[in-house]
C-alpha cells in the first residue's frame, strides 16, 4: 500500500495464522493437510509482521481478528495463540 493516510482506521476483519506452529483445519482434512489447500494465494503464513508491513503508512488504531478454522476440539487455542502474539510485542 502506498502513500500516507492520516485517517485513523479500524480494520474490522483480519486473519492471522502461522502454518508452521498453529493448527488450522477444514472439513474433510487429511493428515498433514494445512486445511488451506483450496485457499490459493492466502495459503501461507500471515502474522502481525506481515500485516504491519502491508499497513505501513496507515494509522491503524484497532483490528478485529476473525477466527481462522482453528481445531474445533481446542476452542480456546486460537485465543491463547493470539494472546501470546500480543504479549510478545
PDB file of N, CA and C in Angstrom:
ATOM      1  N   UNK A   1       0.849  -1.165   0.000  1.00  0.00           N
ATOM      2  CA  UNK A   1       0.000   0.000   0.000  1.00  0.00           C
ATOM      3  C   UNK A   1       0.895   1.229   0.000  1.00  0.00           C
ATOM      4  N   UNK A   2       0.575   2.142  -0.825  1.00  0.00           N
ATOM      5  CA  UNK A   2       1.436   3.302  -0.931  1.00  0.00           C
ATOM      6  C   UNK A   2       0.744   4.546  -0.400  1.00  0.00           C
ATOM      7  N   UNK A   3       1.555   5.536  -0.107  1.00  0.00           N
ATOM      8  CA  UNK A   3       1.024   6.823   0.318  1.00  0.00           C
ATOM      9  C   UNK A   3       0.720   6.875   1.796  1.00  0.00           C
ATOM     10  N   UNK A   4       0.537   8.078   2.282  1.00  0.00           N
ATOM     11  CA  UNK A   4       0.204   8.302   3.688  1.00  0.00           C
ATOM     12  C   UNK A   4      -1.277   8.603   3.805  1.00  0.00           C
ATOM     13  N   UNK A   5      -1.901   8.047   4.799  1.00  0.00           N
ATOM     14  CA  UNK A   5      -3.305   8.278   5.056  1.00  0.00           C
ATOM     15  C   UNK A   5      -3.431   8.665   6.527  1.00  0.00           C
ATOM     16  N   UNK A   6      -3.814   9.897   6.804  1.00  0.00           N
ATOM     17  CA  UNK A   6      -3.900  10.390   8.179  1.00  0.00           C
ATOM     18  C   UNK A   6      -5.176   9.956   8.880  1.00  0.00           C
ATOM     19  N   UNK A   7      -6.131   9.440   8.155  1.00  0.00           N
ATOM     20  CA  UNK A   7      -7.380   8.980   8.748  1.00  0.00           C
ATOM     21  C   UNK A   7      -7.116   7.743   9.602  1.00  0.00           C
ATOM     22  N   UNK A   8      -7.620   7.734  10.837  1.00  0.00           N
ATOM     23  CA  UNK A   8      -7.481   6.558  11.696  1.00  0.00           C
ATOM     24  C   UNK A   8      -8.400   5.462  11.184  1.00  0.00           C
ATOM     25  N   UNK A   9      -7.904   4.260  11.189  1.00  0.00           N
ATOM     26  CA  UNK A   9      -8.631   3.131  10.619  1.00  0.00           C
ATOM     27  C   UNK A   9      -8.791   2.036  11.664  1.00  0.00           C
ATOM     28  N   UNK A  10     -10.000   1.486  11.759  1.00  0.00           N
ATOM     29  CA  UNK A  10     -10.244   0.255  12.494  1.00  0.00           C
ATOM     30  C   UNK A  10     -10.430  -0.819  11.429  1.00  0.00           C
ATOM     31  N   UNK A  11      -9.500  -1.746  11.371  1.00  0.00           N
ATOM     32  CA  UNK A  11      -9.590  -2.835  10.402  1.00  0.00           C
ATOM     33  C   UNK A  11     -10.467  -3.910  11.028  1.00  0.00           C
ATOM     34  N   UNK A  12     -11.684  -4.024  10.538  1.00  0.00           N
ATOM     35  CA  UNK A  12     -12.705  -4.841  11.196  1.00  0.00           C
ATOM     36  C   UNK A  12     -12.725  -6.304  10.770  1.00  0.00           C
ATOM     37  N   UNK A  13     -11.722  -6.750  10.022  1.00  0.00           N
ATOM     38  CA  UNK A  13     -11.740  -8.154   9.613  1.00  0.00           C
ATOM     39  C   UNK A  13     -10.343  -8.564   9.162  1.00  0.00           C
ATOM     40  N   UNK A  14      -9.584  -9.175  10.080  1.00  0.00           N
ATOM     41  CA  UNK A  14      -8.263  -9.699   9.715  1.00  0.00           C
ATOM     42  C   UNK A  14      -8.178 -11.155  10.117  1.00  0.00           C
ATOM     43  N   UNK A  15      -7.302 -11.884   9.454  1.00  0.00           N
ATOM     44  CA  UNK A  15      -6.970 -13.261   9.821  1.00  0.00           C
ATOM     45  C   UNK A  15      -5.454 -13.348   9.916  1.00  0.00           C
ATOM     46  N   UNK A  16      -4.964 -13.921  10.985  1.00  0.00           N
ATOM     47  CA  UNK A  16      -3.537 -14.244  11.095  1.00  0.00           C
ATOM     48  C   UNK A  16      -3.436 -15.728  11.352  1.00  0.00           C
ATOM     49  N   UNK A  17      -2.424 -16.356  10.743  1.00  0.00           N
ATOM     50  CA  UNK A  17      -2.129 -17.749  11.026  1.00  0.00           C
ATOM     51  C   UNK A  17      -0.689 -18.035  10.694  1.00  0.00           C
ATOM     52  N   UNK A  18      -0.142 -19.013  11.366  1.00  0.00           N
ATOM     53  CA  UNK A  18       1.230 -19.449  11.126  1.00  0.00           C
ATOM     54  C   UNK A  18       1.173 -20.935  10.826  1.00  0.00           C
ATOM     55  N   UNK A  19       1.372 -21.291   9.590  1.00  0.00           N
ATOM     56  CA  UNK A  19       1.241 -22.691   9.187  1.00  0.00           C
ATOM     57  C   UNK A  19       2.320 -23.574   9.793  1.00  0.00           C
ATOM     58  N   UNK A  20       3.376 -22.965  10.352  1.00  0.00           N
ATOM     59  CA  UNK A  20       4.434 -23.746  10.992  1.00  0.00           C
ATOM     60  C   UNK A  20       4.136 -24.079  12.445  1.00  0.00           C
ATOM     61  N   UNK A  21       3.237 -23.339  13.091  1.00  0.00           N
ATOM     62  CA  UNK A  21       3.026 -23.564  14.519  1.00  0.00           C
ATOM     63  C   UNK A  21       1.576 -23.730  14.925  1.00  0.00           C
ATOM     64  N   UNK A  22       0.646 -23.295  14.129  1.00  0.00           N
ATOM     65  CA  UNK A  22      -0.751 -23.376  14.545  1.00  0.00           C
ATOM     66  C   UNK A  22      -1.459 -24.509  13.834  1.00  0.00           C
ATOM     67  N   UNK A  23      -2.565 -24.923  14.422  1.00  0.00           N
ATOM     68  CA  UNK A  23      -3.365 -25.994  13.837  1.00  0.00           C
ATOM     69  C   UNK A  23      -4.544 -25.346  13.123  1.00  0.00           C
ATOM     70  N   UNK A  24      -4.559 -25.424  11.808  1.00  0.00           N
ATOM     71  CA  UNK A  24      -5.663 -24.873  11.034  1.00  0.00           C
ATOM     72  C   UNK A  24      -6.319 -26.020  10.300  1.00  0.00           C
ATOM     73  N   UNK A  25      -7.583 -26.217  10.549  1.00  0.00           N
ATOM     74  CA  UNK A  25      -8.296 -27.355   9.991  1.00  0.00           C
ATOM     75  C   UNK A  25      -9.442 -26.916   9.106  1.00  0.00           C
ATOM     76  N   UNK A  26      -9.837 -27.779   8.226  1.00  0.00           N
ATOM     77  CA  UNK A  26     -11.027 -27.566   7.397  1.00  0.00           C
ATOM     78  C   UNK A  26     -11.781 -28.878   7.321  1.00  0.00           C
ATOM     79  N   UNK A  27     -13.059 -28.824   6.974  1.00  0.00           N
ATOM     80  CA  UNK A  27     -13.848 -30.051   6.822  1.00  0.00           C
ATOM     81  C   UNK A  27     -13.169 -30.969   5.821  1.00  0.00           C
ATOM     82  N   UNK A  28     -13.093 -32.236   6.152  1.00  0.00           N
ATOM     83  CA  UNK A  28     -12.513 -33.215   5.242  1.00  0.00           C
ATOM     84  C   UNK A  28     -11.002 -33.181   5.199  1.00  0.00           C
ATOM     85  N   UNK A  29     -10.343 -32.616   6.191  1.00  0.00           N
ATOM     86  CA  UNK A  29      -8.885 -32.517   6.196  1.00  0.00           C
ATOM     87  C   UNK A  29      -8.256 -33.896   6.247  1.00  0.00           C
ATOM     88  N   UNK A  30      -7.186 -34.051   5.509  1.00  0.00           N
ATOM     89  CA  UNK A  30      -6.391 -35.272   5.544  1.00  0.00           C
ATOM     90  C   UNK A  30      -5.176 -35.041   6.435  1.00  0.00           C
ATOM     91  N   UNK A  31      -4.587 -36.103   6.962  1.00  0.00           N
ATOM     92  CA  UNK A  31      -3.379 -35.998   7.780  1.00  0.00           C
ATOM     93  C   UNK A  31      -2.317 -35.202   7.028  1.00  0.00           C
ATOM     94  N   UNK A  32      -1.746 -34.198   7.678  1.00  0.00           N
ATOM     95  CA  UNK A  32      -0.693 -33.395   7.076  1.00  0.00           C
ATOM     96  C   UNK A  32      -1.188 -32.250   6.207  1.00  0.00           C
ATOM     97  N   UNK A  33      -2.489 -32.145   6.003  1.00  0.00           N
ATOM     98  CA  UNK A  33      -3.067 -31.072   5.190  1.00  0.00           C
ATOM     99  C   UNK A  33      -3.271 -29.846   6.072  1.00  0.00           C
ATOM    100  N   UNK A  34      -2.826 -28.677   5.617  1.00  0.00           N
ATOM    101  CA  UNK A  34      -2.965 -27.469   6.432  1.00  0.00           C
ATOM    102  C   UNK A  34      -4.408 -26.999   6.522  1.00  0.00           C
ATOM    103  N   UNK A  35      -5.294 -27.510   5.684  1.00  0.00           N
ATOM    104  CA  UNK A  35      -6.674 -27.056   5.675  1.00  0.00           C
ATOM    105  C   UNK A  35      -6.880 -25.878   4.761  1.00  0.00           C
ATOM    106  N   UNK A  36      -5.808 -25.332   4.221  1.00  0.00           N
ATOM    107  CA  UNK A  36      -5.905 -24.171   3.337  1.00  0.00           C
ATOM    108  C   UNK A  36      -5.565 -24.534   1.895  1.00  0.00           C
ATOM    109  N   UNK A  37      -5.506 -25.814   1.579  1.00  0.00           N
ATOM    110  CA  UNK A  37      -5.061 -26.233   0.260  1.00  0.00           C
ATOM    111  C   UNK A  37      -5.899 -25.651  -0.871  1.00  0.00           C
ATOM    112  N   UNK A  38      -7.179 -25.370  -0.642  1.00  0.00           N
ATOM    113  CA  UNK A  38      -8.013 -24.777  -1.669  1.00  0.00           C
ATOM    114  C   UNK A  38      -8.063 -23.261  -1.593  1.00  0.00           C
ATOM    115  N   UNK A  39      -7.249 -22.675  -0.734  1.00  0.00           N
ATOM    116  CA  UNK A  39      -7.320 -21.240  -0.489  1.00  0.00           C
ATOM    117  C   UNK A  39      -6.386 -20.425  -1.386  1.00  0.00           C
ATOM    118  N   UNK A  40      -5.682 -21.075  -2.284  1.00  0.00           N
ATOM    119  CA  UNK A  40      -4.847 -20.370  -3.255  1.00  0.00           C
ATOM    120  C   UNK A  40      -3.877 -19.386  -2.646  1.00  0.00           C
ATOM    121  N   UNK A  41      -3.987 -18.108  -3.024  1.00  0.00           N
ATOM    122  CA  UNK A  41      -2.982 -17.122  -2.633  1.00  0.00           C
ATOM    123  C   UNK A  41      -2.900 -16.816  -1.143  1.00  0.00           C
ATOM    124  N   UNK A  42      -3.895 -17.213  -0.354  1.00  0.00           N
ATOM    125  CA  UNK A  42      -3.797 -16.938   1.082  1.00  0.00           C
ATOM    126  C   UNK A  42      -3.281 -18.135   1.872  1.00  0.00           C
ATOM    127  N   UNK A  43      -2.948 -19.216   1.214  1.00  0.00           N
ATOM    128  CA  UNK A  43      -2.496 -20.430   1.890  1.00  0.00           C
ATOM    129  C   UNK A  43      -1.012 -20.332   2.245  1.00  0.00           C
ATOM    130  N   UNK A  44      -0.663 -19.319   3.032  1.00  0.00           N
ATOM    131  CA  UNK A  44       0.706 -19.156   3.528  1.00  0.00           C
ATOM    132  C   UNK A  44       0.641 -18.445   4.877  1.00  0.00           C
ATOM    133  N   UNK A  45       1.725 -18.531   5.621  1.00  0.00           N
ATOM    134  CA  UNK A  45       1.781 -17.871   6.916  1.00  0.00           C
ATOM    135  C   UNK A  45       1.567 -16.376   6.755  1.00  0.00           C
ATOM    136  N   UNK A  46       0.710 -15.817   7.587  1.00  0.00           N
ATOM    137  CA  UNK A  46       0.442 -14.377   7.604  1.00  0.00           C
ATOM    138  C   UNK A  46       0.204 -13.980   9.049  1.00  0.00           C
ATOM    139  N   UNK A  47       1.182 -13.275   9.616  1.00  0.00           N
ATOM    140  CA  UNK A  47       1.132 -12.895  11.029  1.00  0.00           C
ATOM    141  C   UNK A  47       1.294 -11.383  11.168  1.00  0.00           C
ATOM    142  N   UNK A  48       1.405 -10.916  12.403  1.00  0.00           N
ATOM    143  CA  UNK A  48       1.441  -9.477  12.688  1.00  0.00           C
ATOM    144  C   UNK A  48       2.492  -8.739  11.868  1.00  0.00           C
ATOM    145  N   UNK A  49       3.676  -9.301  11.735  1.00  0.00           N
ATOM    146  CA  UNK A  49       4.733  -8.624  10.988  1.00  0.00           C
ATOM    147  C   UNK A  49       4.323  -8.396   9.534  1.00  0.00           C
ATOM    148  N   UNK A  50       3.662  -9.390   8.937  1.00  0.00           N
ATOM    149  CA  UNK A  50       3.174  -9.244   7.561  1.00  0.00           C
ATOM    150  C   UNK A  50       2.121  -8.147   7.473  1.00  0.00           C
ATOM    151  N   UNK A  51       1.202  -8.162   8.438  1.00  0.00           N
ATOM    152  CA  UNK A  51       0.135  -7.164   8.451  1.00  0.00           C
ATOM    153  C   UNK A  51       0.710  -5.760   8.606  1.00  0.00           C
ATOM    154  N   UNK A  52       1.640  -5.597   9.548  1.00  0.00           N
ATOM    155  CA  UNK A  52       2.225  -4.277   9.779  1.00  0.00           C
ATOM    156  C   UNK A  52       2.952  -3.763   8.535  1.00  0.00           C
ATOM    157  N   UNK A  53       3.609  -4.649   7.814  1.00  0.00           N
ATOM    158  CA  UNK A  53       4.269  -4.239   6.568  1.00  0.00           C
ATOM    159  C   UNK A  53       3.233  -3.813   5.530  1.00  0.00           C
ATOM    160  N   UNK A  54       2.152  -4.571   5.409  1.00  0.00           N
ATOM    161  CA  UNK A  54       1.099  -4.234   4.447  1.00  0.00           C
ATOM    162  C   UNK A  54       0.377  -2.937   4.822  1.00  0.00           C
ATOM    163  N   UNK A  55       0.277  -2.660   6.118  1.00  0.00           N
ATOM    164  CA  UNK A  55      -0.467  -1.479   6.583  1.00  0.00           C
ATOM    165  C   UNK A  55       0.437  -0.265   6.812  1.00  0.00           C
ATOM    166  N   UNK A  56       1.707  -0.377   6.477  1.00  0.00           N
ATOM    167  CA  UNK A  56       2.635   0.743   6.681  1.00  0.00           C
ATOM    168  C   UNK A  56       2.099   1.996   5.985  1.00  0.00           C
ATOM    169  N   UNK A  57       2.177   3.114   6.672  1.00  0.00           N
ATOM    170  CA  UNK A  57       1.702   4.367   6.108  1.00  0.00           C
ATOM    171  C   UNK A  57       0.261   4.686   6.458  1.00  0.00           C
ATOM    172  N   UNK A  58      -0.418   3.742   7.093  1.00  0.00           N
ATOM    173  CA  UNK A  58      -1.798   3.956   7.512  1.00  0.00           C
ATOM    174  C   UNK A  58      -1.853   4.003   9.028  1.00  0.00           C
ATOM    175  N   UNK A  59      -2.781   4.746   9.573  1.00  0.00           N
ATOM    176  CA  UNK A  59      -2.936   4.879  11.014  1.00  0.00           C
ATOM    177  C   UNK A  59      -3.982   3.871  11.494  1.00  0.00           C
ATOM    178  N   UNK A  60      -3.538   2.639  11.706  1.00  0.00           N
ATOM    179  CA  UNK A  60      -4.429   1.572  12.170  1.00  0.00           C
ATOM    180  C   UNK A  60      -4.550   1.720  13.684  1.00  0.00           C
ATOM    181  N   UNK A  61      -5.760   2.027  14.160  1.00  0.00           N
ATOM    182  CA  UNK A  61      -5.949   2.228  15.595  1.00  0.00           C
ATOM    183  C   UNK A  61      -6.436   0.969  16.304  1.00  0.00           C
ATOM    184  N   UNK A  62      -7.021   0.039  15.561  1.00  0.00           N
ATOM    185  CA  UNK A  62      -7.503  -1.207  16.158  1.00  0.00           C
ATOM    186  C   UNK A  62      -7.760  -2.220  15.049  1.00  0.00           C
ATOM    187  N   UNK A  63      -7.752  -3.490  15.424  1.00  0.00           N
ATOM    188  CA  UNK A  63      -8.084  -4.556  14.492  1.00  0.00           C
ATOM    189  C   UNK A  63      -9.031  -5.528  15.176  1.00  0.00           C
ATOM    190  N   UNK A  64      -9.787  -6.254  14.373  1.00  0.00           N
ATOM    191  CA  UNK A  64     -10.656  -7.312  14.872  1.00  0.00           C
ATOM    192  C   UNK A  64     -10.237  -8.588  14.152  1.00  0.00           C
ATOM    193  N   UNK A  65      -9.699  -9.523  14.932  1.00  0.00           N
ATOM    194  CA  UNK A  65      -9.268 -10.797  14.345  1.00  0.00           C
ATOM    195  C   UNK A  65     -10.470 -11.728  14.242  1.00  0.00           C
ATOM    196  N   UNK A  66     -10.644 -12.317  13.071  1.00  0.00           N
ATOM    197  CA  UNK A  66     -11.720 -13.272  12.818  1.00  0.00           C
ATOM    198  C   UNK A  66     -11.106 -14.669  12.820  1.00  0.00           C
ATOM    199  N   UNK A  67     -11.769 -15.613  13.439  1.00  0.00           N
ATOM    200  CA  UNK A  67     -11.207 -16.962  13.550  1.00  0.00           C
ATOM    201  C   UNK A  67     -10.780 -17.506  12.198  1.00  0.00           C
ATOM    202  N   UNK A  68      -9.809 -18.419  12.252  1.00  0.00           N
ATOM    203  CA  UNK A  68      -9.222 -18.933  11.011  1.00  0.00           C
ATOM    204  C   UNK A  68      -9.204 -20.454  11.000  1.00  0.00           C
ATOM    205  N   UNK A  69     -10.356 -21.073  11.220  1.00  0.00           N
ATOM    206  CA  UNK A  69     -10.514 -22.524  11.156  1.00  0.00           C
ATOM    207  C   UNK A  69      -9.567 -23.275  12.078  1.00  0.00           C
ATOM    208  N   UNK A  70      -9.466 -22.807  13.287  1.00  0.00           N
ATOM    209  CA  UNK A  70      -8.667 -23.493  14.300  1.00  0.00           C
ATOM    210  C   UNK A  70      -9.325 -24.824  14.639  1.00  0.00           C
ATOM    211  N   UNK A  71      -8.567 -25.744  15.156  1.00  0.00           N
ATOM    212  CA  UNK A  71      -9.070 -27.058  15.552  1.00  0.00           C
ATOM    213  C   UNK A  71     -10.275 -26.898  16.485  1.00  0.00           C
ATOM    214  N   UNK A  72     -11.470 -27.324  16.073  1.00  0.00           N
ATOM    215  CA  UNK A  72     -12.663 -27.131  16.894  1.00  0.00           C
ATOM    216  C   UNK A  72     -12.623 -27.871  18.231  1.00  0.00           C
ATOM    217  N   UNK A  73     -11.768 -28.858  18.378  1.00  0.00           N
ATOM    218  CA  UNK A  73     -11.663 -29.548  19.669  1.00  0.00           C
ATOM    219  C   UNK A  73     -10.841 -28.744  20.682  1.00  0.00           C
ATOM    220  N   UNK A  74     -10.214 -27.667  20.225  1.00  0.00           N
ATOM    221  CA  UNK A  74      -9.430 -26.775  21.087  1.00  0.00           C
ATOM    222  C   UNK A  74      -9.983 -25.365  20.928  1.00  0.00           C
ATOM    223  N   UNK A  75     -11.188 -25.153  21.435  1.00  0.00           N
ATOM    224  CA  UNK A  75     -11.905 -23.904  21.171  1.00  0.00           C
ATOM    225  C   UNK A  75     -11.194 -22.657  21.687  1.00  0.00           C
ATOM    226  N   UNK A  76     -10.332 -22.771  22.662  1.00  0.00           N
ATOM    227  CA  UNK A  76      -9.612 -21.603  23.177  1.00  0.00           C
ATOM    228  C   UNK A  76      -8.193 -21.494  22.631  1.00  0.00           C
ATOM    229  N   UNK A  77      -7.757 -22.469  21.877  1.00  0.00           N
ATOM    230  CA  UNK A  77      -6.380 -22.483  21.378  1.00  0.00           C
ATOM    231  C   UNK A  77      -5.999 -21.268  20.555  1.00  0.00           C
ATOM    232  N   UNK A  78      -6.868 -20.863  19.661  1.00  0.00           N
ATOM    233  CA  UNK A  78      -6.560 -19.710  18.814  1.00  0.00           C
ATOM    234  C   UNK A  78      -6.475 -18.436  19.651  1.00  0.00           C
ATOM    235  N   UNK A  79      -7.357 -18.303  20.638  1.00  0.00           N
ATOM    236  CA  UNK A  79      -7.326 -17.133  21.520  1.00  0.00           C
ATOM    237  C   UNK A  79      -6.021 -17.108  22.310  1.00  0.00           C
ATOM    238  N   UNK A  80      -5.601 -18.265  22.821  1.00  0.00           N
ATOM    239  CA  UNK A  80      -4.330 -18.330  23.549  1.00  0.00           C
ATOM    240  C   UNK A  80      -3.166 -17.952  22.638  1.00  0.00           C
ATOM    241  N   UNK A  81      -3.174 -18.454  21.404  1.00  0.00           N
ATOM    242  CA  UNK A  81      -2.117 -18.132  20.442  1.00  0.00           C
ATOM    243  C   UNK A  81      -2.066 -16.633  20.160  1.00  0.00           C
ATOM    244  N   UNK A  82      -3.226 -16.031  19.915  1.00  0.00           N
ATOM    245  CA  UNK A  82      -3.277 -14.596  19.647  1.00  0.00           C
ATOM    246  C   UNK A  82      -2.834 -13.784  20.859  1.00  0.00           C
ATOM    247  N   UNK A  83      -3.231 -14.215  22.061  1.00  0.00           N
ATOM    248  CA  UNK A  83      -2.781 -13.545  23.278  1.00  0.00           C
ATOM    249  C   UNK A  83      -1.271 -13.601  23.394  1.00  0.00           C
ATOM    250  N   UNK A  84      -0.689 -14.735  23.039  1.00  0.00           N
ATOM    251  CA  UNK A  84       0.761 -14.887  23.059  1.00  0.00           C
ATOM    252  C   UNK A  84       1.435 -13.911  22.103  1.00  0.00           C
ATOM    253  N   UNK A  85       0.835 -13.709  20.932  1.00  0.00           N
ATOM    254  CA  UNK A  85       1.388 -12.740  19.983  1.00  0.00           C
ATOM    255  C   UNK A  85       1.333 -11.330  20.557  1.00  0.00           C
ATOM    256  N   UNK A  86       0.227 -10.996  21.207  1.00  0.00           N
ATOM    257  CA  UNK A  86       0.070  -9.662  21.785  1.00  0.00           C
ATOM    258  C   UNK A  86       1.077  -9.417  22.893  1.00  0.00           C
ATOM    259  N   UNK A  87       1.310 -10.419  23.732  1.00  0.00           N
ATOM    260  CA  UNK A  87       2.239 -10.256  24.859  1.00  0.00           C
ATOM    261  C   UNK A  87       3.695 -10.273  24.406  1.00  0.00           C
ATOM    262  N   UNK A  88       3.962 -10.828  23.238  1.00  0.00           N
ATOM    263  CA  UNK A  88       5.329 -10.884  22.719  1.00  0.00           C
ATOM    264  C   UNK A  88       5.788  -9.546  22.159  1.00  0.00           C
ATOM    265  N   UNK A  89       4.868  -8.642  21.894  1.00  0.00           N
ATOM    266  CA  UNK A  89       5.189  -7.355  21.274  1.00  0.00           C
ATOM    267  C   UNK A  89       5.659  -6.355  22.269  1.00  0.00           C
TER     268      UNK A  89
END
